[in-house]
N, C-alpha and C. Protein backbone atom coordinates (compact mmCIF):
# COMPACT_ATOMS: atom_id res chain seq x y z
N UNK A 1 66.02 103.03 86.75
CA UNK A 1 67.22 103.25 85.94
C UNK A 1 67.60 104.74 85.93
N UNK A 2 66.59 105.61 85.74
CA UNK A 2 66.87 107.06 85.72
C UNK A 2 67.38 107.52 87.08
N UNK A 3 66.84 106.92 88.15
CA UNK A 3 67.30 107.28 89.48
C UNK A 3 68.75 106.86 89.69
N UNK A 4 69.11 105.66 89.20
CA UNK A 4 70.50 105.21 89.29
C UNK A 4 71.42 106.15 88.54
N UNK A 5 71.00 106.56 87.34
CA UNK A 5 71.84 107.45 86.52
C UNK A 5 72.05 108.79 87.23
N UNK A 6 70.97 109.36 87.77
CA UNK A 6 71.11 110.65 88.44
C UNK A 6 72.01 110.52 89.68
N UNK A 7 71.96 109.37 90.34
CA UNK A 7 72.84 109.13 91.49
C UNK A 7 74.30 109.06 91.04
N UNK A 8 74.55 108.41 89.92
CA UNK A 8 75.91 108.32 89.40
C UNK A 8 76.43 109.69 88.98
N UNK A 9 75.56 110.50 88.38
CA UNK A 9 75.94 111.87 87.99
C UNK A 9 76.30 112.68 89.23
N UNK A 10 75.50 112.55 90.29
CA UNK A 10 75.79 113.27 91.54
C UNK A 10 77.13 112.83 92.12
N UNK A 11 77.42 111.52 92.07
CA UNK A 11 78.69 111.02 92.59
C UNK A 11 79.86 111.58 91.77
N UNK A 12 79.70 111.62 90.46
CA UNK A 12 80.77 112.15 89.60
C UNK A 12 80.96 113.65 89.85
N UNK A 13 79.86 114.38 90.00
CA UNK A 13 79.96 115.82 90.28
C UNK A 13 80.65 116.09 91.61
N UNK A 14 80.32 115.30 92.62
CA UNK A 14 80.96 115.51 93.92
C UNK A 14 82.45 115.15 93.87
N UNK A 15 82.81 114.21 93.01
CA UNK A 15 84.21 113.81 92.90
C UNK A 15 85.06 114.90 92.28
N UNK A 16 84.49 115.72 91.40
CA UNK A 16 85.27 116.76 90.72
C UNK A 16 84.98 118.16 91.26
N UNK A 17 84.25 118.26 92.34
CA UNK A 17 83.85 119.57 92.88
C UNK A 17 85.04 120.44 93.27
N UNK A 18 86.14 119.84 93.70
CA UNK A 18 87.28 120.62 94.15
C UNK A 18 88.23 121.03 93.02
N UNK A 19 88.00 120.57 91.80
CA UNK A 19 88.86 120.90 90.66
C UNK A 19 88.52 122.31 90.19
N UNK A 20 89.51 123.19 90.14
CA UNK A 20 89.29 124.60 89.80
C UNK A 20 89.19 124.84 88.29
N UNK A 21 90.07 124.22 87.51
CA UNK A 21 90.11 124.43 86.07
C UNK A 21 88.87 123.82 85.42
N UNK A 22 88.03 124.63 84.73
CA UNK A 22 86.79 124.10 84.17
C UNK A 22 87.00 123.01 83.11
N UNK A 23 88.03 123.17 82.29
CA UNK A 23 88.28 122.16 81.26
C UNK A 23 88.72 120.84 81.88
N UNK A 24 89.60 120.93 82.86
CA UNK A 24 90.05 119.72 83.56
C UNK A 24 88.90 119.09 84.34
N UNK A 25 88.05 119.92 84.95
CA UNK A 25 86.90 119.41 85.69
C UNK A 25 85.95 118.66 84.76
N UNK A 26 85.72 119.22 83.56
CA UNK A 26 84.84 118.56 82.59
C UNK A 26 85.41 117.22 82.16
N UNK A 27 86.71 117.19 81.85
CA UNK A 27 87.35 115.95 81.42
C UNK A 27 87.33 114.91 82.54
N UNK A 28 87.60 115.34 83.76
CA UNK A 28 87.58 114.41 84.89
C UNK A 28 86.17 113.89 85.14
N UNK A 29 85.18 114.78 85.03
CA UNK A 29 83.79 114.38 85.21
C UNK A 29 83.40 113.30 84.19
N UNK A 30 83.76 113.53 82.92
CA UNK A 30 83.42 112.56 81.87
C UNK A 30 84.07 111.21 82.14
N UNK A 31 85.33 111.24 82.55
CA UNK A 31 86.06 109.99 82.82
C UNK A 31 85.44 109.25 84.00
N UNK A 32 85.14 109.98 85.07
CA UNK A 32 84.58 109.34 86.27
C UNK A 32 83.19 108.80 85.97
N UNK A 33 82.37 109.57 85.27
CA UNK A 33 81.03 109.10 84.94
C UNK A 33 81.09 107.87 84.04
N UNK A 34 81.98 107.90 83.06
CA UNK A 34 82.15 106.74 82.18
C UNK A 34 82.57 105.51 82.99
N UNK A 35 83.49 105.71 83.93
CA UNK A 35 83.94 104.62 84.78
C UNK A 35 82.80 104.08 85.64
N UNK A 36 82.00 104.98 86.19
CA UNK A 36 80.86 104.57 87.02
C UNK A 36 79.81 103.83 86.19
N UNK A 37 79.57 104.31 84.98
CA UNK A 37 78.57 103.67 84.12
C UNK A 37 79.01 102.30 83.63
N UNK A 38 80.31 102.13 83.40
CA UNK A 38 80.80 100.85 82.88
C UNK A 38 81.12 99.86 83.99
N UNK A 39 81.02 100.29 85.24
CA UNK A 39 81.31 99.41 86.36
C UNK A 39 80.31 98.27 86.40
N UNK A 40 80.78 97.01 86.55
CA UNK A 40 79.86 95.87 86.55
C UNK A 40 78.93 95.86 87.76
N UNK A 41 79.37 96.43 88.87
CA UNK A 41 78.54 96.49 90.08
C UNK A 41 78.32 97.96 90.38
N UNK A 42 77.09 98.46 90.20
CA UNK A 42 76.85 99.89 90.37
C UNK A 42 76.61 100.29 91.81
N UNK A 43 76.22 99.38 92.66
CA UNK A 43 75.96 99.73 94.05
C UNK A 43 77.25 99.95 94.80
N UNK A 44 77.26 100.94 95.65
CA UNK A 44 78.44 101.21 96.47
C UNK A 44 77.98 101.55 97.87
N UNK A 45 78.90 101.55 98.76
CA UNK A 45 78.56 101.88 100.15
C UNK A 45 78.20 103.35 100.24
N UNK A 46 77.46 103.77 101.26
CA UNK A 46 77.07 105.17 101.40
C UNK A 46 78.26 106.12 101.48
N UNK A 47 79.41 105.64 101.92
CA UNK A 47 80.58 106.51 102.02
C UNK A 47 81.18 106.83 100.65
N UNK A 48 80.73 106.13 99.61
CA UNK A 48 81.25 106.37 98.27
C UNK A 48 82.42 105.49 97.93
N UNK A 49 82.89 104.69 98.88
CA UNK A 49 84.02 103.81 98.62
C UNK A 49 83.53 102.53 97.98
N UNK A 50 84.37 101.96 97.16
CA UNK A 50 84.00 100.71 96.52
C UNK A 50 84.18 99.56 97.50
N UNK A 51 83.27 98.65 97.45
CA UNK A 51 83.37 97.47 98.29
C UNK A 51 84.31 96.46 97.67
N UNK A 52 84.61 95.36 98.37
CA UNK A 52 85.55 94.38 97.85
C UNK A 52 85.10 93.72 96.55
N UNK A 53 83.80 93.52 96.39
CA UNK A 53 83.32 92.90 95.15
C UNK A 53 83.60 93.81 93.98
N UNK A 54 83.30 95.09 94.14
CA UNK A 54 83.50 96.04 93.06
C UNK A 54 84.98 96.23 92.75
N UNK A 55 85.81 96.30 93.76
CA UNK A 55 87.24 96.48 93.56
C UNK A 55 87.83 95.30 92.81
N UNK A 56 87.45 94.08 93.19
CA UNK A 56 87.95 92.88 92.52
C UNK A 56 87.45 92.80 91.09
N UNK A 57 86.21 93.20 90.86
CA UNK A 57 85.66 93.18 89.51
C UNK A 57 86.43 94.17 88.63
N UNK A 58 86.74 95.32 89.17
CA UNK A 58 87.50 96.32 88.41
C UNK A 58 88.89 95.79 88.08
N UNK A 59 89.53 95.16 89.05
CA UNK A 59 90.87 94.63 88.84
C UNK A 59 90.85 93.52 87.79
N UNK A 60 89.86 92.65 87.84
CA UNK A 60 89.77 91.56 86.86
C UNK A 60 89.52 92.12 85.47
N UNK A 61 88.72 93.19 85.38
CA UNK A 61 88.44 93.79 84.09
C UNK A 61 89.70 94.41 83.50
N UNK A 62 90.46 95.15 84.31
CA UNK A 62 91.64 95.82 83.80
C UNK A 62 92.76 94.83 83.49
N UNK A 63 92.80 93.70 84.20
CA UNK A 63 93.85 92.72 83.93
C UNK A 63 93.64 92.02 82.60
N UNK A 64 92.39 91.94 82.16
CA UNK A 64 92.12 91.24 80.92
C UNK A 64 92.43 92.10 79.70
N UNK A 65 92.52 93.41 79.88
CA UNK A 65 92.76 94.30 78.75
C UNK A 65 93.92 95.21 79.09
N UNK A 66 95.10 94.95 78.53
CA UNK A 66 96.27 95.76 78.82
C UNK A 66 96.24 97.05 78.03
N UNK A 67 96.69 98.11 78.67
CA UNK A 67 96.81 99.40 78.00
C UNK A 67 98.15 100.00 78.39
N UNK A 68 98.47 101.10 77.79
CA UNK A 68 99.70 101.79 78.09
C UNK A 68 100.73 101.60 76.99
N UNK A 69 101.84 102.31 77.09
CA UNK A 69 102.84 102.29 76.03
C UNK A 69 103.34 100.89 75.69
N UNK A 70 103.61 100.07 76.70
CA UNK A 70 104.14 98.73 76.42
C UNK A 70 103.13 97.88 75.64
N UNK A 71 101.86 97.94 76.03
CA UNK A 71 100.83 97.17 75.34
C UNK A 71 100.66 97.67 73.91
N UNK A 72 100.73 98.99 73.71
CA UNK A 72 100.59 99.53 72.37
C UNK A 72 101.76 99.10 71.48
N UNK A 73 102.96 99.09 72.05
CA UNK A 73 104.13 98.66 71.28
C UNK A 73 104.03 97.18 70.95
N UNK A 74 103.56 96.37 71.89
CA UNK A 74 103.38 94.93 71.62
C UNK A 74 102.35 94.72 70.52
N UNK A 75 101.31 95.55 70.50
CA UNK A 75 100.31 95.47 69.45
C UNK A 75 100.94 95.78 68.09
N UNK A 76 101.82 96.78 68.06
CA UNK A 76 102.52 97.11 66.81
C UNK A 76 103.43 95.97 66.39
N UNK A 77 104.07 95.32 67.37
CA UNK A 77 104.94 94.18 67.07
C UNK A 77 104.13 93.05 66.44
N UNK A 78 102.93 92.81 67.01
CA UNK A 78 102.06 91.78 66.46
C UNK A 78 101.59 92.12 65.04
N UNK A 79 101.50 93.43 64.75
CA UNK A 79 101.11 93.87 63.42
C UNK A 79 102.29 93.94 62.45
N UNK A 80 103.42 93.40 62.87
CA UNK A 80 104.64 93.30 62.05
C UNK A 80 105.24 94.66 61.70
N UNK A 81 105.08 95.63 62.59
CA UNK A 81 105.63 96.96 62.37
C UNK A 81 107.16 96.95 62.45
N UNK A 82 107.72 96.08 63.26
CA UNK A 82 109.16 96.08 63.50
C UNK A 82 109.93 95.12 62.60
N UNK A 83 109.36 94.74 61.46
CA UNK A 83 110.11 93.88 60.53
C UNK A 83 111.32 94.62 59.98
N UNK A 84 111.17 95.91 59.75
CA UNK A 84 112.30 96.76 59.36
C UNK A 84 112.68 97.59 60.58
N UNK A 85 113.93 97.98 60.66
CA UNK A 85 114.41 98.76 61.80
C UNK A 85 113.70 100.10 61.87
N UNK A 86 113.28 100.46 63.10
CA UNK A 86 112.57 101.71 63.33
C UNK A 86 113.23 102.47 64.47
N UNK A 87 113.31 103.80 64.32
CA UNK A 87 113.82 104.63 65.40
C UNK A 87 112.69 104.91 66.39
N UNK A 88 113.04 105.44 67.53
CA UNK A 88 112.03 105.75 68.53
C UNK A 88 111.07 106.83 68.01
N UNK A 89 111.56 107.73 67.17
CA UNK A 89 110.70 108.76 66.59
C UNK A 89 109.68 108.14 65.64
N UNK A 90 110.09 107.11 64.90
CA UNK A 90 109.16 106.42 64.00
C UNK A 90 108.10 105.65 64.81
N UNK A 91 108.52 105.09 65.94
CA UNK A 91 107.57 104.39 66.82
C UNK A 91 106.56 105.39 67.35
N UNK A 92 107.03 106.56 67.80
CA UNK A 92 106.14 107.59 68.32
C UNK A 92 105.16 108.05 67.25
N UNK A 93 105.64 108.24 66.03
CA UNK A 93 104.78 108.69 64.93
C UNK A 93 103.70 107.65 64.61
N UNK A 94 104.07 106.39 64.60
CA UNK A 94 103.09 105.34 64.33
C UNK A 94 102.05 105.24 65.45
N UNK A 95 102.49 105.39 66.68
CA UNK A 95 101.54 105.39 67.79
C UNK A 95 100.56 106.56 67.65
N UNK A 96 101.07 107.71 67.25
CA UNK A 96 100.20 108.88 67.04
C UNK A 96 99.20 108.60 65.92
N UNK A 97 99.66 107.93 64.86
CA UNK A 97 98.75 107.56 63.77
C UNK A 97 97.64 106.64 64.27
N UNK A 98 97.95 105.83 65.26
CA UNK A 98 96.97 104.90 65.82
C UNK A 98 96.13 105.53 66.93
N UNK A 99 96.37 106.81 67.21
CA UNK A 99 95.57 107.53 68.19
C UNK A 99 96.12 107.52 69.59
N UNK A 100 97.35 107.07 69.77
CA UNK A 100 97.98 107.04 71.09
C UNK A 100 99.09 108.09 71.11
N UNK A 101 98.80 109.25 71.68
CA UNK A 101 99.77 110.35 71.71
C UNK A 101 100.58 110.25 72.99
N UNK A 102 101.73 109.63 72.87
CA UNK A 102 102.59 109.34 74.01
C UNK A 102 103.89 110.13 73.84
N UNK A 103 104.35 110.81 74.88
CA UNK A 103 105.60 111.56 74.78
C UNK A 103 106.78 110.62 74.49
N UNK A 104 107.74 111.14 73.79
CA UNK A 104 108.93 110.36 73.44
C UNK A 104 109.63 109.82 74.67
N UNK A 105 109.65 110.61 75.74
CA UNK A 105 110.32 110.19 76.97
C UNK A 105 109.63 109.02 77.65
N UNK A 106 108.36 108.80 77.33
CA UNK A 106 107.62 107.68 77.92
C UNK A 106 107.74 106.40 77.10
N UNK A 107 108.46 106.46 75.99
CA UNK A 107 108.60 105.28 75.14
C UNK A 107 109.92 104.55 75.35
N UNK A 108 110.94 105.25 75.79
CA UNK A 108 112.25 104.62 75.91
C UNK A 108 112.25 103.48 76.92
N UNK A 109 111.58 103.66 78.04
CA UNK A 109 111.53 102.61 79.07
C UNK A 109 110.84 101.35 78.59
N UNK A 110 109.60 101.45 78.07
CA UNK A 110 108.93 100.24 77.57
C UNK A 110 109.70 99.56 76.43
N UNK A 111 110.30 100.34 75.55
CA UNK A 111 111.08 99.75 74.46
C UNK A 111 112.29 98.99 75.03
N UNK A 112 112.94 99.57 76.02
CA UNK A 112 114.09 98.92 76.62
C UNK A 112 113.68 97.63 77.33
N UNK A 113 112.56 97.66 78.04
CA UNK A 113 112.08 96.46 78.73
C UNK A 113 111.74 95.35 77.73
N UNK A 114 111.15 95.71 76.61
CA UNK A 114 110.84 94.71 75.59
C UNK A 114 112.12 94.14 74.98
N UNK A 115 113.15 94.95 74.90
CA UNK A 115 114.43 94.46 74.40
C UNK A 115 115.08 93.52 75.42
N UNK A 116 114.98 93.85 76.70
CA UNK A 116 115.53 92.99 77.74
C UNK A 116 114.79 91.65 77.80
N UNK A 117 113.51 91.67 77.46
CA UNK A 117 112.73 90.44 77.44
C UNK A 117 112.89 89.70 76.11
N UNK A 118 113.73 90.22 75.24
CA UNK A 118 114.02 89.66 73.92
C UNK A 118 112.78 89.55 73.04
N UNK A 119 111.88 90.52 73.21
CA UNK A 119 110.74 90.61 72.31
C UNK A 119 111.08 91.52 71.14
N UNK A 120 111.98 92.47 71.39
CA UNK A 120 112.49 93.35 70.34
C UNK A 120 114.01 93.36 70.41
N UNK A 121 114.62 93.82 69.34
CA UNK A 121 116.07 93.92 69.29
C UNK A 121 116.44 95.39 69.14
N UNK A 122 117.47 95.82 69.87
CA UNK A 122 117.91 97.22 69.82
C UNK A 122 119.36 97.24 69.35
N UNK A 123 119.61 98.06 68.33
CA UNK A 123 120.97 98.21 67.79
C UNK A 123 121.25 99.68 67.55
N UNK A 124 122.53 100.03 67.63
CA UNK A 124 122.90 101.40 67.26
C UNK A 124 122.76 101.50 65.75
N UNK A 125 122.12 102.57 65.33
CA UNK A 125 121.87 102.71 63.89
C UNK A 125 121.73 104.15 63.51
N UNK A 126 121.17 104.35 62.35
CA UNK A 126 121.03 105.71 61.84
C UNK A 126 122.33 106.16 61.20
N UNK A 127 122.30 107.37 60.66
CA UNK A 127 123.50 107.87 59.97
C UNK A 127 124.64 108.14 60.95
N UNK A 128 124.33 108.72 62.10
CA UNK A 128 125.36 109.11 63.04
C UNK A 128 125.70 108.01 64.04
N UNK A 129 124.94 106.93 64.03
CA UNK A 129 125.14 105.80 64.94
C UNK A 129 125.01 106.19 66.40
N UNK A 130 124.31 107.33 66.67
CA UNK A 130 124.09 107.75 68.05
C UNK A 130 122.69 107.38 68.51
N UNK A 131 121.84 107.03 67.57
CA UNK A 131 120.48 106.65 67.92
C UNK A 131 120.33 105.15 67.82
N UNK A 132 119.34 104.64 68.55
CA UNK A 132 119.07 103.21 68.50
C UNK A 132 117.92 102.95 67.54
N UNK A 133 117.98 101.79 66.92
CA UNK A 133 116.87 101.32 66.09
C UNK A 133 116.34 100.03 66.68
N UNK A 134 115.05 99.80 66.53
CA UNK A 134 114.38 98.66 67.12
C UNK A 134 113.81 97.79 66.00
N UNK A 135 113.93 96.48 66.17
CA UNK A 135 113.41 95.55 65.17
C UNK A 135 113.07 94.23 65.86
N UNK A 136 112.42 93.36 65.09
CA UNK A 136 112.17 92.00 65.60
C UNK A 136 113.49 91.25 65.64
N UNK A 137 113.52 90.18 66.44
CA UNK A 137 114.72 89.34 66.51
C UNK A 137 114.92 88.62 65.24
């Protein structure tokens, strides 16, 4: 087990060796090591590339757990956040409260897609009627 761990650490170190910024290198190292440790199949080919079994296992794992702005907004919808009309700034603030710090510019697309899929409703609102508000149907 200790030998496997040291091998994974070496693989993570070699993956971030070309990163110049020490803070970015540390963050990338942690992410890669975490990914390697959580991988269901730890064995890999000597070239360092993932084999088909490992790639498919990773894909199946990620497909079962959605992440990203759209998934976070859907989670808020399930939590009945959109019962009252909310602006995009209120959506961003609630996501930040939940630990998801997403730029405002990255929220407009997922919100619009959810409106097109009729999962949310978008109306012109606010005092100036220049901003959109989002709510449940």
